[in-house]
Amino acid sequence: MQIEQVRRYVLSSLVCSVVLLHSLAMAALGATGADKGGARQGLFVISVLLGVLAIGAVRLINRRSLLTPWLAGALVIPLIAYYLLLWR
């Protein structure tokens, strides 16, 4: 394995773990604590945007096309957090 490929894997995993962790935190905060006028919806939108940003960054790091079904996966983290924390 070449060093360039290892560098891409490491950078991709760091981007995913950091950005998706923040996305999950925003979704959890919106589902539990933020109840002031529109804050829940705003945090949910920020969470979705962070998820899309993370997946887009990983696709760019690995020199792949940005248009992929994985972008729909950015909705999964906030929706799971909302379901588990708000409707359960």
Protein backbone atom coordinates (compact mmCIF):
# COMPACT_ATOMS: atom_id res chain seq x y z
CA MET A 1 0.00 0.00 0.00
CA GLN A 2 1.36 3.38 -0.96
CA ILE A 3 1.83 6.17 1.55
CA GLU A 4 -0.58 8.41 -0.40
CA GLN A 5 -3.38 5.89 -0.04
CA VAL A 6 -2.70 5.49 3.69
CA ARG A 7 -2.74 9.26 4.09
CA ARG A 8 -6.14 9.44 2.38
CA TYR A 9 -7.55 6.71 4.62
CA VAL A 10 -6.30 8.40 7.79
CA LEU A 11 -7.53 11.83 6.74
CA SER A 12 -10.91 10.42 5.70
CA SER A 13 -11.38 8.65 9.02
CA LEU A 14 -10.44 11.79 10.95
CA VAL A 15 -12.85 13.96 8.96
CA CYS A 16 -15.66 11.45 9.41
CA SER A 17 -15.15 10.95 13.10
CA VAL A 18 -14.83 14.65 13.96
CA VAL A 19 -17.52 16.11 11.71
CA LEU A 20 -20.04 13.30 12.16
CA LEU A 21 -19.56 13.46 15.93
CA HIS A 22 -20.51 17.13 15.82
CA SER A 23 -23.45 16.31 13.58
CA LEU A 24 -24.70 13.76 16.10
CA ALA A 25 -24.19 16.22 18.95
CA MET A 26 -26.23 18.90 17.16
CA ALA A 27 -29.05 16.44 16.50
CA ALA A 28 -29.02 15.25 20.12
CA LEU A 29 -29.04 18.81 21.45
CA GLY A 30 -31.90 19.71 19.18
CA ALA A 31 -33.86 16.66 20.31
CA THR A 32 -33.32 17.16 24.03
CA GLY A 33 -32.48 20.64 25.22
CA ALA A 34 -33.14 23.35 22.70
CA ASP A 35 -36.76 24.42 22.95
CA LYS A 36 -36.53 28.15 22.26
CA GLY A 37 -38.30 29.38 19.13
CA GLY A 38 -37.02 27.42 16.17
CA ALA A 39 -33.83 26.16 17.79
CA ARG A 40 -34.75 22.50 17.31
CA GLN A 41 -35.28 22.90 13.61
CA GLY A 42 -32.15 25.01 13.24
CA LEU A 43 -29.97 22.47 15.02
CA PHE A 44 -31.47 19.71 12.92
CA VAL A 45 -30.64 21.59 9.71
CA ILE A 46 -27.10 22.26 10.93
CA SER A 47 -26.75 18.57 11.77
CA VAL A 48 -27.82 17.53 8.28
CA LEU A 49 -25.49 20.08 6.67
CA LEU A 50 -22.55 18.80 8.74
CA GLY A 51 -23.31 15.26 7.62
CA VAL A 52 -23.38 16.30 3.98
CA LEU A 53 -20.14 18.24 4.50
CA ALA A 54 -18.42 15.21 6.02
CA ILE A 55 -19.43 12.87 3.23
CA GLY A 56 -18.53 15.44 0.58
CA ALA A 57 -15.12 16.01 2.18
CA VAL A 58 -14.35 12.30 2.23
CA ARG A 59 -15.40 11.97 -1.40
CA LEU A 60 -13.12 14.89 -2.35
CA ILE A 61 -10.19 13.54 -0.34
CA ASN A 62 -10.45 10.24 -2.18
CA ARG A 63 -10.93 12.00 -5.53
CA ARG A 64 -14.39 10.60 -6.19
CA SER A 65 -17.52 12.20 -7.61
CA LEU A 66 -19.56 14.24 -5.15
CA LEU A 67 -22.86 12.96 -6.51
CA THR A 68 -23.43 9.69 -4.71
CA PRO A 69 -26.19 7.90 -2.79
CA TRP A 70 -23.99 8.31 0.30
CA LEU A 71 -25.12 11.93 0.52
CA ALA A 72 -28.58 10.62 1.40
CA GLY A 73 -26.85 8.86 4.29
CA ALA A 74 -26.18 12.24 5.83
CA LEU A 75 -29.84 12.26 6.85
CA VAL A 76 -29.52 9.01 8.76
CA ILE A 77 -27.53 10.25 11.77
CA PRO A 78 -29.85 13.15 12.68
CA LEU A 79 -32.97 11.09 12.06
CA ILE A 80 -31.75 8.25 14.30
CA ALA A 81 -30.80 10.71 17.03
CA TYR A 82 -34.18 12.44 16.78
CA TYR A 83 -36.01 9.13 16.93
CA LEU A 84 -34.04 7.77 19.87
CA LEU A 85 -34.06 10.96 21.92
CA LEU A 86 -37.36 12.62 21.09
CA TRP A 87 -39.96 10.06 20.08
CA ARG A 88 -38.87 7.11 22.16
